[in-house]
């Protein structure tokens, strides 16, 4: 069922927006703006790396300060994080930080292939009356991703493995995680892209979906959309999981 859902979204987007992207491509590379944040979609990385000696800083989706820099040709280092002094349900402080190293193995302008590794550091303070303790996790992960197409119209496929502690309350079970991701980007005007992503766990239940737009001009790109986790919250007395919908906001400034 999840596969059919993903295929439906992708096929619909290809049918509707491919003509617009093709027209933009026919105008020539010099006629349209370059996307300064093309090394990633709304959430997932693409197979592209930043040009050597350049970087980006900004606010990564959903709202995490980050920086990325191409330390050498085809090598990109990214890091980000946020510290929350009081979380949404008042259980205490929390933090989320990550470090990602990506290596582009192949890029001929129409197909890009990259592999990488990541480390996620997460913690949440647990308050029980007058007592407080911390629940912490260090999560290693590896991934491979390929992007087929150009910035006007491209499909990104990815696979990743991680050791997830507790599932983070976002609808994924804890333990060994194996997931697949599918992303699509289509230029719908010289300065606008439509993007959507779909992630699914292979070894356990859990899916995550995003949809949004990116506006870019010069050295800046702005992302706006939503993240939908179909089984992200348990809100009913029966234990039935209800969808969780989170706003998605990203800003990227190109440097170098």
C-alpha atoms as a PDB file:
ATOM      1  CA  UNK A   1       0.000   0.000   0.000  1.00  0.00           C
ATOM      2  CA  UNK A   2       2.813   2.408   0.863  1.00  0.00           C
ATOM      3  CA  UNK A   3       4.510   1.638  -2.454  1.00  0.00           C
ATOM      4  CA  UNK A   4       1.314   2.345  -4.367  1.00  0.00           C
ATOM      5  CA  UNK A   5       0.940   5.654  -2.522  1.00  0.00           C
ATOM      6  CA  UNK A   6       4.475   6.720  -3.431  1.00  0.00           C
ATOM      7  CA  UNK A   7       4.074   5.654  -7.049  1.00  0.00           C
ATOM      8  CA  UNK A   8       0.800   7.579  -7.321  1.00  0.00           C
ATOM      9  CA  UNK A   9       2.384  10.804  -6.039  1.00  0.00           C
ATOM     10  CA  UNK A  10       5.420  10.483  -8.267  1.00  0.00           C
ATOM     11  CA  UNK A  11       3.475   9.624 -11.397  1.00  0.00           C
ATOM     12  CA  UNK A  12       1.069  12.520 -10.819  1.00  0.00           C
ATOM     13  CA  UNK A  13       3.868  15.020 -10.363  1.00  0.00           C
ATOM     14  CA  UNK A  14       5.732  13.791 -13.426  1.00  0.00           C
ATOM     15  CA  UNK A  15       2.568  14.095 -15.508  1.00  0.00           C
ATOM     16  CA  UNK A  16       1.643  17.577 -14.316  1.00  0.00           C
ATOM     17  CA  UNK A  17       4.984  19.331 -13.972  1.00  0.00           C
ATOM     18  CA  UNK A  18       7.350  17.690 -16.467  1.00  0.00           C
ATOM     19  CA  UNK A  19       6.097  19.899 -19.342  1.00  0.00           C
ATOM     20  CA  UNK A  20       6.824  23.053 -17.334  1.00  0.00           C
ATOM     21  CA  UNK A  21      10.278  21.806 -16.382  1.00  0.00           C
ATOM     22  CA  UNK A  22      11.029  20.871 -19.976  1.00  0.00           C
ATOM     23  CA  UNK A  23      10.092  24.353 -21.171  1.00  0.00           C
ATOM     24  CA  UNK A  24      12.386  25.886 -18.573  1.00  0.00           C
ATOM     25  CA  UNK A  25      15.224  23.610 -19.641  1.00  0.00           C
ATOM     26  CA  UNK A  26      14.738  24.511 -23.293  1.00  0.00           C
ATOM     27  CA  UNK A  27      15.361  28.162 -22.422  1.00  0.00           C
ATOM     28  CA  UNK A  28      19.000  27.299 -21.757  1.00  0.00           C
ATOM     29  CA  UNK A  29      21.140  27.154 -18.635  1.00  0.00           C
ATOM     30  CA  UNK A  30      21.884  30.884 -18.704  1.00  0.00           C
ATOM     31  CA  UNK A  31      18.216  31.886 -18.873  1.00  0.00           C
ATOM     32  CA  UNK A  32      17.216  30.584 -15.425  1.00  0.00           C
ATOM     33  CA  UNK A  33      18.507  30.952 -11.886  1.00  0.00           C
ATOM     34  CA  UNK A  34      20.692  28.243 -10.392  1.00  0.00           C
ATOM     35  CA  UNK A  35      19.459  26.629  -7.186  1.00  0.00           C
ATOM     36  CA  UNK A  36      22.077  27.431  -4.495  1.00  0.00           C
ATOM     37  CA  UNK A  37      20.706  24.609  -2.300  1.00  0.00           C
ATOM     38  CA  UNK A  38      20.691  21.894  -4.974  1.00  0.00           C
ATOM     39  CA  UNK A  39      22.737  19.513  -2.793  1.00  0.00           C
ATOM     40  CA  UNK A  40      19.551  18.704  -0.860  1.00  0.00           C
ATOM     41  CA  UNK A  41      15.786  18.593  -1.175  1.00  0.00           C
ATOM     42  CA  UNK A  42      13.459  19.621   1.659  1.00  0.00           C
ATOM     43  CA  UNK A  43      14.845  16.965   4.019  1.00  0.00           C
ATOM     44  CA  UNK A  44      16.916  14.352   2.196  1.00  0.00           C
ATOM     45  CA  UNK A  45      20.261  14.901   0.453  1.00  0.00           C
ATOM     46  CA  UNK A  46      20.600  14.636  -3.302  1.00  0.00           C
ATOM     47  CA  UNK A  47      23.455  12.972  -5.163  1.00  0.00           C
ATOM     48  CA  UNK A  48      24.984  16.405  -5.810  1.00  0.00           C
ATOM     49  CA  UNK A  49      27.718  18.072  -3.739  1.00  0.00           C
ATOM     50  CA  UNK A  50      28.510  21.750  -3.346  1.00  0.00           C
ATOM     51  CA  UNK A  51      31.337  23.050  -5.569  1.00  0.00           C
ATOM     52  CA  UNK A  52      34.746  22.743  -3.914  1.00  0.00           C
ATOM     53  CA  UNK A  53      35.561  25.610  -1.564  1.00  0.00           C
ATOM     54  CA  UNK A  54      31.946  26.795  -1.217  1.00  0.00           C
ATOM     55  CA  UNK A  55      29.299  26.301   1.423  1.00  0.00           C
ATOM     56  CA  UNK A  56      25.855  27.169   2.703  1.00  0.00           C
ATOM     57  CA  UNK A  57      24.555  28.376   6.057  1.00  0.00           C
ATOM     58  CA  UNK A  58      20.986  28.726   7.181  1.00  0.00           C
ATOM     59  CA  UNK A  59      18.003  26.981   8.676  1.00  0.00           C
ATOM     60  CA  UNK A  60      17.468  23.380   7.616  1.00  0.00           C
ATOM     61  CA  UNK A  61      14.066  21.719   7.603  1.00  0.00           C
ATOM     62  CA  UNK A  62      12.135  21.648   9.766  1.00  0.00           C
ATOM     63  CA  UNK A  63      13.870  24.560  11.652  1.00  0.00           C
ATOM     64  CA  UNK A  64      17.404  23.546  12.605  1.00  0.00           C
ATOM     65  CA  UNK A  65      20.408  25.910  12.171  1.00  0.00           C
ATOM     66  CA  UNK A  66      23.058  24.276   9.989  1.00  0.00           C
ATOM     67  CA  UNK A  67      26.181  24.826   7.928  1.00  0.00           C
ATOM     68  CA  UNK A  68      27.585  22.837   5.006  1.00  0.00           C
ATOM     69  CA  UNK A  69      30.958  23.153   3.306  1.00  0.00           C
ATOM     70  CA  UNK A  70      32.696  21.370   0.454  1.00  0.00           C
ATOM     71  CA  UNK A  71      36.016  20.496   2.103  1.00  0.00           C
ATOM     72  CA  UNK A  72      37.412  19.100  -1.179  1.00  0.00           C
ATOM     73  CA  UNK A  73      36.210  18.237  -4.659  1.00  0.00           C
ATOM     74  CA  UNK A  74      33.222  15.865  -4.297  1.00  0.00           C
ATOM     75  CA  UNK A  75      33.372  15.921  -0.466  1.00  0.00           C
ATOM     76  CA  UNK A  76      30.784  17.795   1.607  1.00  0.00           C
ATOM     77  CA  UNK A  77      30.597  18.167   5.388  1.00  0.00           C
ATOM     78  CA  UNK A  78      27.338  19.281   7.052  1.00  0.00           C
ATOM     79  CA  UNK A  79      26.490  19.935  10.684  1.00  0.00           C
ATOM     80  CA  UNK A  80      23.535  21.361  12.529  1.00  0.00           C
ATOM     81  CA  UNK A  81      21.574  21.292  15.725  1.00  0.00           C
ATOM     82  CA  UNK A  82      19.123  22.937  18.057  1.00  0.00           C
ATOM     83  CA  UNK A  83      18.711  23.171  21.830  1.00  0.00           C
ATOM     84  CA  UNK A  84      15.155  23.409  23.153  1.00  0.00           C
ATOM     85  CA  UNK A  85      14.857  24.910  26.634  1.00  0.00           C
ATOM     86  CA  UNK A  86      11.326  23.601  27.109  1.00  0.00           C
ATOM     87  CA  UNK A  87       9.657  21.163  24.750  1.00  0.00           C
ATOM     88  CA  UNK A  88       6.053  21.285  23.555  1.00  0.00           C
ATOM     89  CA  UNK A  89       4.663  19.087  26.333  1.00  0.00           C
ATOM     90  CA  UNK A  90       6.686  20.642  29.134  1.00  0.00           C
ATOM     91  CA  UNK A  91       8.733  17.550  30.005  1.00  0.00           C
ATOM     92  CA  UNK A  92      11.999  19.470  30.078  1.00  0.00           C
ATOM     93  CA  UNK A  93      14.879  20.465  27.859  1.00  0.00           C
ATOM     94  CA  UNK A  94      15.921  18.667  24.684  1.00  0.00           C
ATOM     95  CA  UNK A  95      18.673  18.830  22.062  1.00  0.00           C
ATOM     96  CA  UNK A  96      19.217  17.506  18.554  1.00  0.00           C
ATOM     97  CA  UNK A  97      22.506  17.748  16.652  1.00  0.00           C
ATOM     98  CA  UNK A  98      23.958  15.937  13.661  1.00  0.00           C
ATOM     99  CA  UNK A  99      27.095  15.596  11.539  1.00  0.00           C
ATOM    100  CA  UNK A 100      27.016  14.324   7.933  1.00  0.00           C
ATOM    101  CA  UNK A 101      29.871  13.560   5.528  1.00  0.00           C
ATOM    102  CA  UNK A 102      28.889  13.005   1.885  1.00  0.00           C
ATOM    103  CA  UNK A 103      31.096  11.860  -0.995  1.00  0.00           C
ATOM    104  CA  UNK A 104      29.962  12.260  -4.609  1.00  0.00           C
ATOM    105  CA  UNK A 105      31.144   9.191  -6.505  1.00  0.00           C
ATOM    106  CA  UNK A 106      29.841  10.213  -9.922  1.00  0.00           C
ATOM    107  CA  UNK A 107      28.294  13.311 -11.463  1.00  0.00           C
ATOM    108  CA  UNK A 108      27.966  13.896 -15.201  1.00  0.00           C
ATOM    109  CA  UNK A 109      25.308  16.612 -15.022  1.00  0.00           C
ATOM    110  CA  UNK A 110      22.374  14.261 -15.555  1.00  0.00           C
ATOM    111  CA  UNK A 111      23.121  11.512 -13.015  1.00  0.00           C
ATOM    112  CA  UNK A 112      24.703  11.962  -9.590  1.00  0.00           C
ATOM    113  CA  UNK A 113      25.613   9.211  -7.121  1.00  0.00           C
ATOM    114  CA  UNK A 114      26.795   9.819  -3.562  1.00  0.00           C
ATOM    115  CA  UNK A 115      27.406   7.859  -0.369  1.00  0.00           C
ATOM    116  CA  UNK A 116      27.796   9.144   3.146  1.00  0.00           C
ATOM    117  CA  UNK A 117      27.765   8.636   6.869  1.00  0.00           C
ATOM    118  CA  UNK A 118      26.012  10.499   9.664  1.00  0.00           C
ATOM    119  CA  UNK A 119      25.980  10.696  13.442  1.00  0.00           C
ATOM    120  CA  UNK A 120      22.932  12.000  15.305  1.00  0.00           C
ATOM    121  CA  UNK A 121      23.055  13.149  18.929  1.00  0.00           C
ATOM    122  CA  UNK A 122      19.702  13.419  20.691  1.00  0.00           C
ATOM    123  CA  UNK A 123      18.626  13.953  24.273  1.00  0.00           C
ATOM    124  CA  UNK A 124      15.516  14.818  26.256  1.00  0.00           C
ATOM    125  CA  UNK A 125      15.116  15.697  29.907  1.00  0.00           C
ATOM    126  CA  UNK A 126      12.526  13.576  31.680  1.00  0.00           C
ATOM    127  CA  UNK A 127      10.803  15.219  34.646  1.00  0.00           C
ATOM    128  CA  UNK A 128       8.980  13.143  37.222  1.00  0.00           C
ATOM    129  CA  UNK A 129       7.709  15.456  39.951  1.00  0.00           C
ATOM    130  CA  UNK A 130      10.833  16.749  41.706  1.00  0.00           C
ATOM    131  CA  UNK A 131      13.173  14.317  39.951  1.00  0.00           C
ATOM    132  CA  UNK A 132      14.734  14.830  36.540  1.00  0.00           C
ATOM    133  CA  UNK A 133      16.887  12.614  34.333  1.00  0.00           C
ATOM    134  CA  UNK A 134      18.077  12.605  30.760  1.00  0.00           C
ATOM    135  CA  UNK A 135      17.324  10.140  28.005  1.00  0.00           C
ATOM    136  CA  UNK A 136      20.207  10.356  25.507  1.00  0.00           C
ATOM    137  CA  UNK A 137      21.086   8.598  22.266  1.00  0.00           C
ATOM    138  CA  UNK A 138      23.956   8.569  19.772  1.00  0.00           C
ATOM    139  CA  UNK A 139      22.756   7.212  16.444  1.00  0.00           C
ATOM    140  CA  UNK A 140      25.172   6.212  13.638  1.00  0.00           C
ATOM    141  CA  UNK A 141      23.867   5.955  10.084  1.00  0.00           C
ATOM    142  CA  UNK A 142      25.062   5.331   6.540  1.00  0.00           C
ATOM    143  CA  UNK A 143      23.309   6.144   3.270  1.00  0.00           C
ATOM    144  CA  UNK A 144      23.545   6.029  -0.509  1.00  0.00           C
ATOM    145  CA  UNK A 145      21.648   8.344  -2.836  1.00  0.00           C
ATOM    146  CA  UNK A 146      21.362   8.909  -6.561  1.00  0.00           C
ATOM    147  CA  UNK A 147      19.777  11.813  -8.439  1.00  0.00           C
ATOM    148  CA  UNK A 148      18.659  11.322 -12.029  1.00  0.00           C
ATOM    149  CA  UNK A 149      17.963  14.453 -14.042  1.00  0.00           C
ATOM    150  CA  UNK A 150      18.974  18.085 -13.723  1.00  0.00           C
ATOM    151  CA  UNK A 151      17.849  20.952 -11.489  1.00  0.00           C
ATOM    152  CA  UNK A 152      14.772  21.503 -13.658  1.00  0.00           C
ATOM    153  CA  UNK A 153      13.348  18.016 -13.318  1.00  0.00           C
ATOM    154  CA  UNK A 154      14.963  15.273 -11.238  1.00  0.00           C
ATOM    155  CA  UNK A 155      14.168  12.131  -9.284  1.00  0.00           C
ATOM    156  CA  UNK A 156      16.218  11.228  -6.200  1.00  0.00           C
ATOM    157  CA  UNK A 157      16.365   7.700  -4.767  1.00  0.00           C
ATOM    158  CA  UNK A 158      18.032   6.879  -1.463  1.00  0.00           C
ATOM    159  CA  UNK A 159      18.588   4.064   1.007  1.00  0.00           C
ATOM    160  CA  UNK A 160      19.843   4.361   4.566  1.00  0.00           C
ATOM    161  CA  UNK A 161      20.599   2.284   7.646  1.00  0.00           C
ATOM    162  CA  UNK A 162      20.690   3.468  11.263  1.00  0.00           C
ATOM    163  CA  UNK A 163      20.442   2.207  14.826  1.00  0.00           C
ATOM    164  CA  UNK A 164      17.478   4.163  16.203  1.00  0.00           C
ATOM    165  CA  UNK A 165      16.819   4.370  19.932  1.00  0.00           C
ATOM    166  CA  UNK A 166      13.153   4.412  20.840  1.00  0.00           C
ATOM    167  CA  UNK A 167      11.865   5.670  17.493  1.00  0.00           C
ATOM    168  CA  UNK A 168      11.840   9.304  18.724  1.00  0.00           C
ATOM    169  CA  UNK A 169       8.022   9.287  18.854  1.00  0.00           C
ATOM    170  CA  UNK A 170       7.760   9.949  15.122  1.00  0.00           C
ATOM    171  CA  UNK A 171       6.197   6.672  14.088  1.00  0.00           C
ATOM    172  CA  UNK A 172       9.306   4.519  13.576  1.00  0.00           C
ATOM    173  CA  UNK A 173      10.172   1.603  15.849  1.00  0.00           C
ATOM    174  CA  UNK A 174      13.482   1.541  17.696  1.00  0.00           C
ATOM    175  CA  UNK A 175      16.380  -0.771  16.878  1.00  0.00           C
ATOM    176  CA  UNK A 176      17.985  -1.397  13.507  1.00  0.00           C
ATOM    177  CA  UNK A 177      16.386   0.874  10.925  1.00  0.00           C
ATOM    178  CA  UNK A 178      16.521   0.341   7.173  1.00  0.00           C
ATOM    179  CA  UNK A 179      14.691   2.883   5.083  1.00  0.00           C
ATOM    180  CA  UNK A 180      14.160   3.963   1.514  1.00  0.00           C
ATOM    181  CA  UNK A 181      13.466   7.467   0.276  1.00  0.00           C
ATOM    182  CA  UNK A 182      12.047   8.870  -2.934  1.00  0.00           C
ATOM    183  CA  UNK A 183      12.193  12.563  -3.782  1.00  0.00           C
ATOM    184  CA  UNK A 184      11.091  14.601  -6.772  1.00  0.00           C
ATOM    185  CA  UNK A 185      11.846  18.195  -7.787  1.00  0.00           C
ATOM    186  CA  UNK A 186      10.342  20.141 -10.679  1.00  0.00           C
ATOM    187  CA  UNK A 187      11.033  23.722 -11.692  1.00  0.00           C
ATOM    188  CA  UNK A 188       7.645  25.362 -12.173  1.00  0.00           C
ATOM    189  CA  UNK A 189       9.007  28.844 -12.962  1.00  0.00           C
ATOM    190  CA  UNK A 190      12.481  30.410 -13.262  1.00  0.00           C
ATOM    191  CA  UNK A 191      12.702  30.965  -9.487  1.00  0.00           C
ATOM    192  CA  UNK A 192      10.378  28.300  -8.055  1.00  0.00           C
ATOM    193  CA  UNK A 193      10.585  24.545  -7.547  1.00  0.00           C
ATOM    194  CA  UNK A 194       7.984  22.077  -6.333  1.00  0.00           C
ATOM    195  CA  UNK A 195       9.429  19.299  -4.144  1.00  0.00           C
ATOM    196  CA  UNK A 196       8.055  16.187  -2.482  1.00  0.00           C
ATOM    197  CA  UNK A 197       9.674  13.344  -0.574  1.00  0.00           C
ATOM    198  CA  UNK A 198       8.463   9.991   0.742  1.00  0.00           C
ATOM    199  CA  UNK A 199      10.282   7.801   3.259  1.00  0.00           C
ATOM    200  CA  UNK A 200       9.375   4.289   4.315  1.00  0.00           C
ATOM    201  CA  UNK A 201      10.857   1.859   6.840  1.00  0.00           C
ATOM    202  CA  UNK A 202      11.703  -1.580   5.465  1.00  0.00           C
ATOM    203  CA  UNK A 203      12.053  -3.600   8.680  1.00  0.00           C
ATOM    204  CA  UNK A 204       9.249  -1.989  10.711  1.00  0.00           C
ATOM    205  CA  UNK A 205       6.113   0.152  10.283  1.00  0.00           C
ATOM    206  CA  UNK A 206       6.538   3.850   9.640  1.00  0.00           C
ATOM    207  CA  UNK A 207       6.366   6.378   6.825  1.00  0.00           C
ATOM    208  CA  UNK A 208       7.111  10.078   6.494  1.00  0.00           C
ATOM    209  CA  UNK A 209       6.138  12.452   3.680  1.00  0.00           C
ATOM    210  CA  UNK A 210       6.956  16.034   2.754  1.00  0.00           C
ATOM    211  CA  UNK A 211       5.621  18.463   0.192  1.00  0.00           C
ATOM    212  CA  UNK A 212       6.628  22.065  -0.363  1.00  0.00           C
ATOM    213  CA  UNK A 213       8.101  24.725  -2.579  1.00  0.00           C
ATOM    214  CA  UNK A 214      11.512  26.376  -2.874  1.00  0.00           C
ATOM    215  CA  UNK A 215      12.060  29.958  -3.961  1.00  0.00           C
ATOM    216  CA  UNK A 216      15.626  30.833  -4.906  1.00  0.00           C
ATOM    217  CA  UNK A 217      17.400  33.863  -6.262  1.00  0.00           C
ATOM    218  CA  UNK A 218      21.082  34.710  -6.410  1.00  0.00           C
ATOM    219  CA  UNK A 219      22.747  33.188  -3.352  1.00  0.00           C
ATOM    220  CA  UNK A 220      19.623  32.465  -1.278  1.00  0.00           C
ATOM    221  CA  UNK A 221      16.989  29.711  -1.238  1.00  0.00           C
ATOM    222  CA  UNK A 222      13.816  29.559   0.882  1.00  0.00           C
ATOM    223  CA  UNK A 223      11.824  26.361   1.555  1.00  0.00           C
ATOM    224  CA  UNK A 224       8.229  26.254   2.764  1.00  0.00           C
ATOM    225  CA  UNK A 225       6.109  23.139   3.216  1.00  0.00           C
ATOM    226  CA  UNK A 226       4.838  20.482   5.603  1.00  0.00           C
ATOM    227  CA  UNK A 227       6.071  17.190   7.041  1.00  0.00           C
ATOM    228  CA  UNK A 228       3.393  14.515   7.478  1.00  0.00           C
ATOM    229  CA  UNK A 229       3.977  11.492   9.734  1.00  0.00           C
ATOM    230  CA  UNK A 230       0.883   9.268   9.329  1.00  0.00           C
ATOM    231  CA  UNK A 231       1.474   7.254  12.533  1.00  0.00           C
ATOM    232  CA  UNK A 232       3.403   9.841  14.495  1.00  0.00           C
ATOM    233  CA  UNK A 233       1.218  10.359  17.591  1.00  0.00           C
ATOM    234  CA  UNK A 234      -0.935   8.264  19.900  1.00  0.00           C
ATOM    235  CA  UNK A 235      -3.723  10.647  20.834  1.00  0.00           C
ATOM    236  CA  UNK A 236      -6.796   8.478  21.317  1.00  0.00           C
ATOM    237  CA  UNK A 237      -7.692   6.419  24.412  1.00  0.00           C
ATOM    238  CA  UNK A 238      -7.872   3.351  22.184  1.00  0.00           C
ATOM    239  CA  UNK A 239      -4.183   3.776  21.308  1.00  0.00           C
ATOM    240  CA  UNK A 240      -4.923   4.573  17.676  1.00  0.00           C
ATOM    241  CA  UNK A 241      -2.119   6.565  16.092  1.00  0.00           C
ATOM    242  CA  UNK A 242      -3.101   9.902  14.589  1.00  0.00           C
ATOM    243  CA  UNK A 243      -1.170  11.735  11.870  1.00  0.00           C
ATOM    244  CA  UNK A 244       1.329  14.358  12.952  1.00  0.00           C
ATOM    245  CA  UNK A 245       1.734  17.388  10.674  1.00  0.00           C
ATOM    246  CA  UNK A 246       4.709  19.691  11.193  1.00  0.00           C
ATOM    247  CA  UNK A 247       5.457  22.976   9.431  1.00  0.00           C
ATOM    248  CA  UNK A 248       8.621  22.999   7.360  1.00  0.00           C
ATOM    249  CA  UNK A 249      10.761  26.096   6.956  1.00  0.00           C
ATOM    250  CA  UNK A 250      14.261  26.288   5.480  1.00  0.00           C
ATOM    251  CA  UNK A 251      16.641  29.064   4.492  1.00  0.00           C
ATOM    252  CA  UNK A 252      19.992  28.558   2.748  1.00  0.00           C
ATOM    253  CA  UNK A 253      22.594  31.227   1.972  1.00  0.00           C
ATOM    254  CA  UNK A 254      25.397  30.274  -0.409  1.00  0.00           C
ATOM    255  CA  UNK A 255      28.929  31.400   0.501  1.00  0.00           C
ATOM    256  CA  UNK A 256      32.184  31.179  -1.378  1.00  0.00           C
END
